[in-house]
Amino acid sequence: MSLQTEIETLYGTDAASLDRDEAFRIFSEFKFFLNRGEIRAAEKKGGVWTVNHWVKKGILLGFRMGTLEDVSIDGRFRFFDRNTYPLKKITLGDEIRLVPGGSSIRDGAFVARGVVCMPPMFINAGAYVDEGTMVDSHALVGSCAQVGKRVHISAAAQIGGVLEPVGALPVIIEDDALIGGNCGIYEGTIVSRGAVIAAGVIITGGTAVYDVVKQEVYRKAPGAPLVIPENAVVVPGSRPLDSAWGREKGLSLAAPVVVKYRDGKTDAATALEDSLR
């Protein structure tokens, strides 16, 4: 029986009737491959990002099977979490630069060689962070989020995950993207290769993004996520309320705006990050 079939079977079995020893054996095998990045919650197939439902089921299964455990450092630093998702065991051989200062990487997350983690930051179970990426201070990479190569997730940026529902696409940040400080990317949004999201931009699945270069509006559609185009430079903007009362009061709503596409000058600015890696 394949690992996928075993996970699907366990997921569909009532917790009270599980053979816990066998279930933990299967889950441990599942998490081994999850930690190595050999299985992942979503991946690009034929140019399209696809959810691996069974992998998300396996991650959820770990939460269902886990019991609360005392993982305190000592009597002053008290912590309690599911025993199925302790801190990830990282060694010098993993070639991850994990700077001291209160950061955490949960077991079940894949963090590739050359990733830089500045304190304090958090990477949750099921996340995938590829080579050469920087996760800056106070940044979050949520459960099942998929982050590509050479991405910079700036200070206080929030990359949402989307663990549930099982069929929902998690947030995707493709190679060479830059996510500015205090940004929030949520609800299965895809930030395509090379895009730059300026500081303070908030993007959810329901956000309309206005492209003044191509004179288009990008929105989530039924069965299709919101996609920020390749090399787009997105800044905070606003649009006026349509109602008479809103116009009378001078009210406006936040509206991310694509103001340009990356050129040599933009690349030179973002390349400054190389000196920190």
Protein backbone atom coordinates (compact mmCIF):
# COMPACT_ATOMS: atom_id res chain seq x y z
CA MET A 1 0.00 0.00 0.00
CA SER A 2 1.39 3.44 -0.93
CA LEU A 3 2.00 6.15 1.67
CA GLN A 4 -0.70 8.27 0.02
CA THR A 5 -3.24 5.45 0.36
CA GLU A 6 -2.26 4.85 3.98
CA ILE A 7 -2.71 8.54 4.83
CA GLU A 8 -6.05 8.70 3.02
CA THR A 9 -7.23 5.62 4.92
CA LEU A 10 -6.13 6.97 8.31
CA TYR A 11 -7.71 10.34 7.60
CA GLY A 12 -11.04 8.69 6.91
CA THR A 13 -10.92 6.51 10.05
CA ASP A 14 -12.51 7.54 13.33
CA ALA A 15 -9.78 8.54 15.78
CA ALA A 16 -11.19 6.28 18.51
CA SER A 17 -10.75 3.18 16.37
CA LEU A 18 -7.20 3.87 15.17
CA ASP A 19 -4.38 1.47 15.85
CA ARG A 20 -2.27 4.27 17.31
CA ASP A 21 1.08 2.48 17.04
CA GLU A 22 0.53 1.79 13.34
CA ALA A 23 -0.92 5.26 12.78
CA PHE A 24 2.14 6.89 14.35
CA ARG A 25 4.46 4.71 12.26
CA ILE A 26 2.73 5.88 9.08
CA PHE A 27 2.64 9.51 10.22
CA SER A 28 6.35 9.42 11.11
CA GLU A 29 7.15 8.15 7.62
CA PHE A 30 4.94 10.87 6.14
CA LYS A 31 6.63 13.60 8.16
CA PHE A 32 10.08 12.28 7.20
CA PHE A 33 9.35 12.96 3.52
CA LEU A 34 7.59 16.25 4.35
CA ASN A 35 10.69 17.46 6.21
CA ARG A 36 12.86 16.57 3.22
CA GLY A 37 10.61 18.41 0.76
CA GLU A 38 9.96 15.20 -1.18
CA ILE A 39 6.23 15.62 -0.66
CA ARG A 40 4.56 19.02 -0.38
CA ALA A 41 1.12 20.54 0.08
CA ALA A 42 1.11 22.08 -3.41
CA GLU A 43 3.34 21.96 -6.46
CA LYS A 44 3.47 23.31 -9.97
CA LYS A 45 2.47 20.75 -12.58
CA GLY A 46 2.36 21.70 -16.25
CA GLY A 47 2.66 25.35 -15.32
CA VAL A 48 -0.32 25.24 -12.93
CA TRP A 49 -0.19 25.17 -9.12
CA THR A 50 -2.06 22.14 -7.82
CA VAL A 51 -3.06 21.15 -4.29
CA ASN A 52 -1.89 17.76 -3.06
CA HIS A 53 -4.99 17.01 -0.99
CA TRP A 54 -3.56 13.91 0.62
CA VAL A 55 -0.54 15.80 1.94
CA LYS A 56 -2.76 18.39 3.61
CA LYS A 57 -4.78 15.51 5.06
CA GLY A 58 -1.58 14.03 6.47
CA ILE A 59 -0.67 17.34 8.13
CA LEU A 60 -4.15 17.62 9.64
CA LEU A 61 -3.92 14.01 10.76
CA GLY A 62 -0.87 14.91 12.83
CA PHE A 63 -2.83 17.56 14.71
CA ARG A 64 -5.70 15.11 15.27
CA MET A 65 -3.42 12.37 16.58
CA GLY A 66 -1.16 14.58 18.69
CA THR A 67 -1.50 15.12 22.40
CA LEU A 68 -0.53 18.21 24.37
CA GLU A 69 3.02 17.90 25.68
CA ASP A 70 5.15 19.98 28.03
CA VAL A 71 8.07 21.26 25.93
CA SER A 72 9.24 23.90 28.39
CA ILE A 73 12.89 24.98 28.41
CA ASP A 74 12.85 25.45 32.18
CA GLY A 75 10.57 26.74 34.92
CA ARG A 76 10.60 30.28 33.51
CA PHE A 77 10.19 29.54 29.80
CA ARG A 78 7.05 27.42 29.60
CA PHE A 79 5.75 25.95 26.32
CA PHE A 80 3.06 23.37 25.51
CA ASP A 81 2.34 21.95 22.06
CA ARG A 82 1.20 18.88 20.15
CA ASN A 83 3.75 16.10 20.47
CA THR A 84 3.42 15.40 16.74
CA TYR A 85 4.86 18.81 15.82
CA PRO A 86 7.89 19.60 17.99
CA LEU A 87 10.58 22.01 16.85
CA LYS A 88 12.35 20.88 13.69
CA LYS A 89 15.71 19.21 14.35
CA ILE A 90 18.30 21.28 12.49
CA THR A 91 22.03 20.56 12.34
CA LEU A 92 25.00 22.46 10.94
CA GLY A 93 24.91 20.09 8.00
CA ASP A 94 21.52 21.47 6.92
CA GLU A 95 23.32 24.72 5.97
CA ILE A 96 20.46 26.88 7.24
CA ARG A 97 21.49 30.17 8.81
CA LEU A 98 19.28 30.33 11.89
CA VAL A 99 20.34 33.48 13.77
CA PRO A 100 19.89 33.43 17.59
CA GLY A 101 16.94 35.35 19.01
CA GLY A 102 13.67 33.50 19.44
CA SER A 103 12.90 32.03 16.00
CA SER A 104 11.07 28.72 15.56
CA ILE A 105 10.76 26.23 12.73
CA ARG A 106 8.14 23.59 13.36
CA ASP A 107 8.70 19.95 12.46
CA GLY A 108 7.10 19.05 9.14
CA ALA A 109 8.38 22.20 7.40
CA PHE A 110 10.91 21.97 4.57
CA VAL A 111 13.64 24.60 4.78
CA ALA A 112 16.29 24.30 2.06
CA ARG A 113 20.02 24.94 2.18
CA GLY A 114 21.04 28.57 2.16
CA VAL A 115 17.85 29.87 3.78
CA VAL A 116 18.48 32.74 6.21
CA CYS A 117 16.22 33.09 9.26
CA MET A 118 16.45 36.39 11.13
CA PRO A 119 15.07 36.56 14.68
CA PRO A 120 12.34 36.34 15.65
CA MET A 121 10.51 34.57 12.83
CA PHE A 122 8.28 31.50 12.56
CA ILE A 123 7.85 28.81 9.91
CA ASN A 124 4.87 26.52 10.47
CA ALA A 125 4.35 22.82 9.73
CA GLY A 126 3.75 21.97 6.09
CA ALA A 127 5.50 25.07 4.76
CA TYR A 128 8.07 24.76 1.96
CA VAL A 129 10.89 27.35 1.81
CA ASP A 130 13.34 26.93 -1.05
CA GLU A 131 17.05 27.71 -1.43
CA GLY A 132 18.51 31.15 -0.87
CA THR A 133 15.38 32.68 0.63
CA MET A 134 15.51 35.10 3.55
CA VAL A 135 12.79 35.13 6.23
CA ASP A 136 13.35 38.40 8.05
CA SER A 137 12.56 39.46 11.62
CA HIS A 138 8.97 39.12 12.87
CA ALA A 139 7.96 37.39 9.63
CA LEU A 140 5.58 34.42 9.42
CA VAL A 141 5.48 31.61 6.87
CA GLY A 142 2.15 29.91 7.51
CA SER A 143 1.26 26.24 7.39
CA CYS A 144 1.45 24.82 3.83
CA ALA A 145 2.70 28.10 2.31
CA GLN A 146 5.02 27.47 -0.64
CA VAL A 147 7.96 29.86 -1.00
CA GLY A 148 10.38 29.65 -3.91
CA LYS A 149 14.09 30.29 -4.39
CA ARG A 150 15.82 33.60 -3.59
CA VAL A 151 12.70 35.18 -2.13
CA HIS A 152 13.00 37.95 0.45
CA ILE A 153 10.22 37.95 3.03
CA SER A 154 10.84 41.29 4.74
CA ALA A 155 10.42 42.22 8.39
CA ALA A 156 6.92 41.70 9.84
CA ALA A 157 5.54 40.25 6.59
CA GLN A 158 2.83 37.64 6.96
CA ILE A 159 2.63 34.79 4.44
CA GLY A 160 -0.65 33.03 5.18
CA GLY A 161 -0.84 29.30 4.89
CA VAL A 162 -4.29 27.81 4.26
CA LEU A 163 -4.31 24.35 5.82
CA GLU A 164 -8.09 24.05 5.75
CA PRO A 165 -10.18 23.34 3.81
CA VAL A 166 -8.12 20.51 2.37
CA GLY A 167 -8.87 21.46 -1.23
CA ALA A 168 -7.88 25.12 -0.86
CA LEU A 169 -4.67 26.29 -2.49
CA PRO A 170 -2.17 27.69 0.03
CA VAL A 171 -0.34 30.97 -0.51
CA ILE A 172 2.35 30.65 -3.19
CA ILE A 173 5.39 32.93 -3.47
CA GLU A 174 7.41 32.07 -6.57
CA ASP A 175 11.15 32.41 -7.20
CA ASP A 176 12.89 35.79 -6.93
CA ALA A 177 9.89 37.62 -5.47
CA LEU A 178 10.31 40.34 -2.85
CA ILE A 179 7.67 40.73 -0.14
CA GLY A 180 8.06 44.11 1.59
CA GLY A 181 7.85 44.87 5.26
CA ASN A 182 4.47 44.66 7.00
CA CYS A 183 2.87 43.01 3.96
CA GLY A 184 0.15 40.42 4.31
CA ILE A 185 -0.40 37.79 1.59
CA TYR A 186 -3.37 35.53 2.37
CA GLU A 187 -6.05 33.09 1.16
CA GLY A 188 -4.26 31.23 -1.60
CA THR A 189 -2.90 34.25 -3.47
CA ILE A 190 -0.11 33.47 -5.96
CA VAL A 191 2.73 35.98 -6.20
CA SER A 192 4.42 35.08 -9.47
CA ARG A 193 8.14 34.91 -10.22
CA GLY A 194 10.05 38.16 -9.78
CA ALA A 195 7.15 40.22 -8.44
CA VAL A 196 7.82 42.97 -5.90
CA ILE A 197 5.19 43.66 -3.25
CA ALA A 198 5.96 47.01 -1.64
CA ALA A 199 5.84 47.58 2.11
CA GLY A 200 2.40 47.68 3.64
CA VAL A 201 0.45 45.99 0.83
CA ILE A 202 -2.29 43.63 2.01
CA ILE A 203 -3.56 41.06 -0.48
CA THR A 204 -6.29 38.49 0.21
CA GLY A 205 -8.17 36.15 -2.07
CA GLY A 206 -10.92 38.76 -2.38
CA THR A 207 -8.66 41.74 -3.13
CA ALA A 208 -8.92 43.48 -6.50
CA VAL A 209 -5.48 44.46 -7.81
CA TYR A 210 -5.35 47.31 -10.35
CA ASP A 211 -2.70 47.25 -13.09
CA VAL A 212 -2.18 50.78 -14.43
CA VAL A 213 0.44 49.54 -16.89
CA LYS A 214 -1.76 47.00 -18.68
CA GLN A 215 -5.05 48.65 -17.62
CA GLU A 216 -6.40 45.42 -16.16
CA VAL A 217 -7.95 44.38 -12.84
CA TYR A 218 -6.87 41.07 -11.29
CA ARG A 219 -9.35 39.19 -9.10
CA LYS A 220 -9.91 35.71 -7.77
CA ALA A 221 -12.31 33.76 -10.00
CA PRO A 222 -14.36 30.61 -9.28
CA GLY A 223 -11.85 27.76 -9.19
CA ALA A 224 -8.90 30.08 -9.84
CA PRO A 225 -6.80 32.04 -7.33
CA LEU A 226 -5.76 35.68 -7.45
CA VAL A 227 -2.45 35.82 -9.33
CA ILE A 228 0.01 38.70 -9.19
CA PRO A 229 1.80 38.72 -12.59
CA GLU A 230 5.50 37.99 -13.07
CA ASN A 231 7.80 40.96 -12.36
CA ALA A 232 4.90 43.19 -11.31
CA VAL A 233 5.71 45.96 -8.83
CA VAL A 234 2.73 46.37 -6.52
CA VAL A 235 2.33 49.38 -4.20
CA PRO A 236 -0.38 50.48 -1.75
CA GLY A 237 -3.11 52.51 -3.42
CA SER A 238 -6.73 53.51 -2.91
CA ARG A 239 -9.96 53.87 -4.84
CA PRO A 240 -12.98 56.03 -3.93
CA LEU A 241 -16.20 54.53 -2.61
CA ASP A 242 -18.93 54.46 -5.25
CA SER A 243 -21.84 55.36 -2.98
CA ALA A 244 -23.07 58.96 -2.78
CA TRP A 245 -22.48 59.01 0.98
CA GLY A 246 -18.96 57.67 0.51
CA ARG A 247 -18.21 60.34 -2.08
CA GLU A 248 -19.69 63.01 0.17
CA LYS A 249 -17.41 61.95 3.02
CA GLY A 250 -14.38 61.55 0.79
CA LEU A 251 -13.96 57.87 1.72
CA SER A 252 -11.77 55.42 -0.15
CA LEU A 253 -10.77 51.77 0.08
CA ALA A 254 -7.31 50.26 0.00
CA ALA A 255 -6.42 49.00 -3.48
CA PRO A 256 -3.06 47.44 -4.39
CA VAL A 257 -1.80 48.93 -7.65
CA VAL A 258 0.69 47.55 -10.20
CA VAL A 259 2.64 50.68 -11.10
CA LYS A 260 5.40 49.12 -13.23
CA TYR A 261 7.17 45.90 -14.14
CA ARG A 262 10.71 45.13 -12.99
CA ASP A 263 13.53 46.59 -15.04
CA GLY A 264 17.29 46.89 -14.57
CA LYS A 265 16.92 49.61 -11.94
CA THR A 266 14.49 47.57 -9.85
CA ASP A 267 16.69 44.49 -10.10
CA ALA A 268 19.68 46.47 -8.89
CA ALA A 269 17.76 47.60 -5.81
CA THR A 270 16.57 44.12 -4.87
CA ALA A 271 20.01 42.62 -5.57
CA LEU A 272 21.32 44.46 -2.48
CA GLU A 273 19.94 41.55 -0.46
CA ASP A 274 22.70 39.32 -1.80
CA SER A 275 25.19 40.96 0.55
CA LEU A 276 23.19 39.71 3.56
CA ARG A 277 23.04 36.06 2.54
